[in-house]
């Protein structure tokens, strides 16, 4: 009985954890991607450090090789001069340096293998991280769309539909306000002396208070210079 209760509790906790994870999958994915970015940054630093150490080891190997070459030349000179004891000491030094050179070569080989492995790992991680980021963008956009579609209000109307209806009501009210304002302006004009004068003038009673297009044309025609007789005769001859 106790085992069944324990299994039930553990199963309930597991299901609750899975449910929370599912509801917050986007948040979880964001944090996991941040962790991956941090790990990738550390891996790149490790590659850079390994390459720096490899270059230092290569320089050390070059210095050892130069010393060996210099010692060999000097040892040969000592041998030719019959300084055998000094030549033997130099030979022992050369042997020790050759051992160091061999160890340096082995170290460089290990660095090369490690750098190759790290570079391949970083490249693979970078590719996978790029794919994760693209998937993250798609998932985030899809989640926002689902939230928008699921945003139903009371009465089954979406937030967008409610906003559209509110805008339509505002437009109707604005139109009514404009009509009322126009009507008030018209009544004010009719009730004022100036408005009555305008109405009488429009009916042809008295001097017009507004200039019409005909008045403008007549005024402009009066400004045109009269045609001279010579120009009239020239125009008549040309016509003939």
Protein backbone atom coordinates (compact mmCIF):
# COMPACT_ATOMS: atom_id res chain seq x y z
CA UNK A 1 0.00 0.00 0.00
CA UNK A 2 2.79 2.40 0.92
CA UNK A 3 4.59 1.69 -2.35
CA UNK A 4 1.45 2.47 -4.33
CA UNK A 5 0.95 5.75 -2.45
CA UNK A 6 4.60 6.66 -3.01
CA UNK A 7 4.27 5.87 -6.72
CA UNK A 8 1.08 7.96 -6.85
CA UNK A 9 2.76 10.95 -5.21
CA UNK A 10 5.81 10.72 -7.47
CA UNK A 11 3.57 10.36 -10.53
CA UNK A 12 1.49 13.37 -9.49
CA UNK A 13 4.59 15.48 -8.95
CA UNK A 14 5.97 14.37 -12.31
CA UNK A 15 2.75 15.22 -14.13
CA UNK A 16 2.58 18.62 -12.40
CA UNK A 17 6.17 19.38 -13.38
CA UNK A 18 5.50 18.33 -16.98
CA UNK A 19 2.36 20.47 -17.08
CA UNK A 20 4.25 23.53 -15.78
CA UNK A 21 7.03 22.89 -18.31
CA UNK A 22 4.54 22.62 -21.17
CA UNK A 23 2.77 25.84 -20.20
CA UNK A 24 6.07 27.69 -19.96
CA UNK A 25 7.86 25.99 -22.85
CA UNK A 26 8.83 29.28 -24.49
CA UNK A 27 10.37 30.60 -21.27
CA UNK A 28 12.21 27.31 -20.73
CA UNK A 29 13.49 27.34 -24.31
CA UNK A 30 14.72 30.92 -23.96
CA UNK A 31 16.73 30.04 -20.86
CA UNK A 32 18.11 26.88 -22.44
CA UNK A 33 19.28 28.87 -25.47
CA UNK A 34 20.95 31.42 -23.18
CA UNK A 35 22.73 28.53 -21.43
CA UNK A 36 23.84 27.18 -24.81
CA UNK A 37 25.15 30.59 -25.86
CA UNK A 38 27.16 30.84 -22.64
CA UNK A 39 28.56 27.32 -23.09
CA UNK A 40 29.48 28.08 -26.71
CA UNK A 41 31.26 31.25 -25.61
CA UNK A 42 33.28 29.25 -23.09
CA UNK A 43 34.13 26.65 -25.77
CA UNK A 44 35.39 29.36 -28.13
CA UNK A 45 37.56 30.76 -25.36
CA UNK A 46 38.95 27.26 -24.79
CA UNK A 47 39.82 26.98 -28.50
CA UNK A 48 41.52 30.39 -28.43
CA UNK A 49 43.51 29.42 -25.32
CA UNK A 50 44.58 26.10 -26.85
CA UNK A 51 45.73 27.85 -30.02
CA UNK A 52 47.69 30.41 -28.00
CA UNK A 53 49.42 27.64 -26.03
CA UNK A 54 50.14 25.78 -29.27
CA UNK A 55 51.84 28.86 -30.71
CA UNK A 56 53.88 29.31 -27.55
CA UNK A 57 54.96 25.65 -27.68
CA UNK A 58 55.91 26.03 -31.35
CA UNK A 59 58.08 29.04 -30.52
CA UNK A 60 59.72 27.12 -27.70
CA UNK A 61 60.43 24.23 -30.06
CA UNK A 62 62.01 26.63 -32.55
CA UNK A 63 64.27 28.04 -29.84
CA UNK A 64 65.32 24.51 -28.77
CA UNK A 65 66.08 23.59 -32.39
CA UNK A 66 68.20 26.72 -32.79
CA UNK A 67 70.16 25.91 -29.62
CA UNK A 68 70.73 22.33 -30.75
CA UNK A 69 72.03 23.52 -34.10
CA UNK A 70 74.32 26.06 -32.44
CA UNK A 71 75.62 23.51 -29.92
CA UNK A 72 76.23 20.90 -32.62
CA UNK A 73 78.35 23.34 -34.64
CA UNK A 74 80.35 24.35 -31.56
CA UNK A 75 80.76 20.71 -30.47
CA UNK A 76 82.15 19.79 -33.86
CA UNK A 77 84.63 22.67 -33.53
CA UNK A 78 85.64 21.45 -30.06
CA UNK A 79 86.12 17.90 -31.38
CA UNK A 80 88.29 19.19 -34.20
CA UNK A 81 90.32 21.14 -31.66
CA UNK A 82 90.80 18.01 -29.55
CA UNK A 83 88.77 19.35 -26.62
CA UNK A 84 87.03 16.03 -26.03
CA UNK A 85 85.87 16.66 -22.45
CA UNK A 86 84.20 19.93 -23.44
CA UNK A 87 82.74 18.27 -26.51
CA UNK A 88 81.29 15.47 -24.36
CA UNK A 89 79.62 17.96 -22.02
CA UNK A 90 78.13 19.72 -25.01
CA UNK A 91 76.94 16.39 -26.41
CA UNK A 92 75.16 15.60 -23.17
CA UNK A 93 73.50 19.02 -23.36
CA UNK A 94 72.47 18.33 -26.94
CA UNK A 95 70.97 14.98 -25.93
CA UNK A 96 68.94 16.67 -23.17
CA UNK A 97 67.75 19.35 -25.59
CA UNK A 98 66.77 16.71 -28.14
CA UNK A 99 64.65 15.04 -25.47
CA UNK A 100 63.01 18.39 -24.78
CA UNK A 101 62.48 18.88 -28.51
CA UNK A 102 60.80 15.49 -28.83
CA UNK A 103 58.53 16.24 -25.86
CA UNK A 104 57.67 19.59 -27.41
CA UNK A 105 56.75 17.91 -30.70
CA UNK A 106 54.48 15.47 -28.85
CA UNK A 107 52.87 18.37 -26.99
CA UNK A 108 52.25 20.21 -30.26
CA UNK A 109 50.67 17.10 -31.75
CA UNK A 110 48.32 16.83 -28.76
CA UNK A 111 47.44 20.50 -29.10
CA UNK A 112 46.68 20.03 -32.80
CA UNK A 113 44.39 17.09 -32.10
CA UNK A 114 42.65 18.93 -29.28
CA UNK A 115 42.25 22.10 -31.32
CA UNK A 116 40.81 20.11 -34.24
CA UNK A 117 38.34 18.39 -31.90
CA UNK A 118 37.35 21.64 -30.19
CA UNK A 119 36.91 23.47 -33.49
CA UNK A 120 34.68 20.70 -34.83
CA UNK A 121 32.66 20.76 -31.61
CA UNK A 122 32.28 24.54 -31.73
CA UNK A 123 31.23 24.47 -35.38
CA UNK A 124 28.62 21.80 -34.69
CA UNK A 125 27.34 23.68 -31.64
CA UNK A 126 27.15 26.94 -33.61
CA UNK A 127 25.11 25.27 -36.36
CA UNK A 128 22.74 23.66 -33.89
CA UNK A 129 22.41 26.90 -31.91
CA UNK A 130 21.51 28.82 -35.08
CA UNK A 131 18.82 26.24 -35.81
CA UNK A 132 17.55 26.56 -32.24
CA UNK A 133 17.33 30.34 -32.53
CA UNK A 134 15.38 30.08 -35.79
CA UNK A 135 13.04 27.58 -34.16
CA UNK A 136 12.72 29.87 -31.16
CA UNK A 137 11.64 32.76 -33.37
CA UNK A 138 9.05 30.60 -35.12
CA UNK A 139 7.75 29.20 -31.82
CA UNK A 140 7.51 32.64 -30.24
CA UNK A 141 5.62 34.02 -33.24
CA UNK A 142 3.29 31.02 -33.25
CA UNK A 143 2.63 31.42 -29.53
CA UNK A 144 1.73 35.08 -30.02
CA UNK A 145 -0.64 34.18 -32.84
CA UNK A 146 -2.29 31.55 -30.63
CA UNK A 147 -2.68 34.10 -27.86
CA UNK A 148 -4.24 36.53 -30.31
CA UNK A 149 -6.65 33.89 -31.59
CA UNK A 150 -7.47 32.74 -28.08
CA UNK A 151 -8.15 36.27 -26.88
CA UNK A 152 -11.95 35.88 -26.90
CA UNK A 153 -13.93 38.23 -24.65
CA UNK A 154 -17.38 37.98 -23.05
CA UNK A 155 -20.05 37.05 -25.55
CA UNK A 156 -17.60 35.31 -27.87
CA UNK A 157 -16.28 38.50 -29.49
CA UNK A 158 -12.53 38.82 -29.98
CA UNK A 159 -10.57 41.84 -28.81
CA UNK A 160 -10.07 42.93 -32.41
CA UNK A 161 -13.80 42.79 -33.13
CA UNK A 162 -14.56 44.76 -29.98
CA UNK A 163 -12.05 47.41 -31.00
CA UNK A 164 -13.54 47.61 -34.51
CA UNK A 165 -17.05 48.06 -33.11
CA UNK A 166 -15.83 50.75 -30.73
CA UNK A 167 -14.20 52.60 -33.63
CA UNK A 168 -17.41 52.35 -35.66
CA UNK A 169 -19.45 53.80 -32.78
CA UNK A 170 -16.96 56.66 -32.50
CA UNK A 171 -17.29 57.36 -36.23
CA UNK A 172 -21.10 57.44 -35.97
CA UNK A 173 -20.96 59.80 -33.00
CA UNK A 174 -18.49 62.06 -34.82
CA UNK A 175 -20.75 62.18 -37.88
CA UNK A 176 -23.73 63.11 -35.70
CA UNK A 177 -21.67 65.80 -33.99
CA UNK A 178 -20.62 67.24 -37.36
CA UNK A 179 -24.25 67.36 -38.56
CA UNK A 180 -25.41 69.05 -35.38
CA UNK A 181 -22.59 71.59 -35.65
CA UNK A 182 -23.47 72.34 -39.29
CA UNK A 183 -27.12 72.76 -38.38
CA UNK A 184 -26.27 75.15 -35.55
CA UNK A 185 -24.03 77.21 -37.83
CA UNK A 186 -26.79 77.39 -40.45
CA UNK A 187 -29.37 78.51 -37.89
CA UNK A 188 -27.00 81.12 -36.48
CA UNK A 189 -26.38 82.49 -39.97
CA UNK A 190 -30.10 82.67 -40.76
CA UNK A 191 -30.85 84.40 -37.47
CA UNK A 192 -28.16 87.07 -37.92
CA UNK A 193 -28.45 90.30 -40.03
CA UNK A 194 -25.46 89.27 -42.10
CA UNK A 195 -27.11 85.96 -42.88
CA UNK A 196 -30.33 87.73 -43.97
CA UNK A 197 -28.33 90.11 -46.21
CA UNK A 198 -26.61 87.13 -47.86
CA UNK A 199 -29.96 85.42 -48.47
CA UNK A 200 -31.45 88.60 -49.99
CA UNK A 201 -28.37 89.13 -52.19
CA UNK A 202 -28.49 85.51 -53.39
CA UNK A 203 -32.15 86.10 -54.33
CA UNK A 204 -31.15 89.08 -56.52
CA UNK A 205 -32.27 91.73 -54.08
CA UNK A 206 -29.61 94.41 -53.93
CA UNK A 207 -25.87 94.31 -54.57
CA UNK A 208 -24.31 90.85 -54.34
CA UNK A 209 -22.13 90.34 -51.26
CA UNK A 210 -20.06 87.56 -52.84
CA UNK A 211 -18.16 87.76 -56.11
CA UNK A 212 -19.25 85.19 -58.70
CA UNK A 213 -17.21 83.60 -61.47
CA UNK A 214 -19.11 85.69 -64.03
CA UNK A 215 -18.10 88.86 -62.21
CA UNK A 216 -14.42 87.80 -62.29
CA UNK A 217 -14.57 87.05 -66.03
CA UNK A 218 -16.25 90.35 -66.79
CA UNK A 219 -13.65 92.25 -64.78
CA UNK A 220 -10.76 90.51 -66.52
CA UNK A 221 -12.32 91.09 -69.95
CA UNK A 222 -12.50 94.81 -69.18
CA UNK A 223 -8.76 94.88 -68.55
CA UNK A 224 -7.86 93.55 -72.02
CA UNK A 225 -6.57 96.28 -74.48
CA UNK A 226 -8.80 97.07 -77.46
CA UNK A 227 -7.55 95.81 -80.86
CA UNK A 228 -6.01 98.59 -83.07
CA UNK A 229 -7.31 99.17 -86.71
CA UNK A 230 -3.93 98.28 -88.23
CA UNK A 231 -3.79 95.00 -86.42
CA UNK A 232 -7.38 94.33 -87.50
CA UNK A 233 -6.50 95.00 -91.17
CA UNK A 234 -3.36 92.83 -90.95
CA UNK A 235 -5.41 90.03 -89.47
CA UNK A 236 -8.03 90.42 -92.24
CA UNK A 237 -5.34 90.29 -94.98
CA UNK A 238 -3.80 87.23 -93.46
CA UNK A 239 -7.15 85.57 -93.42
CA UNK A 240 -7.69 86.41 -97.08
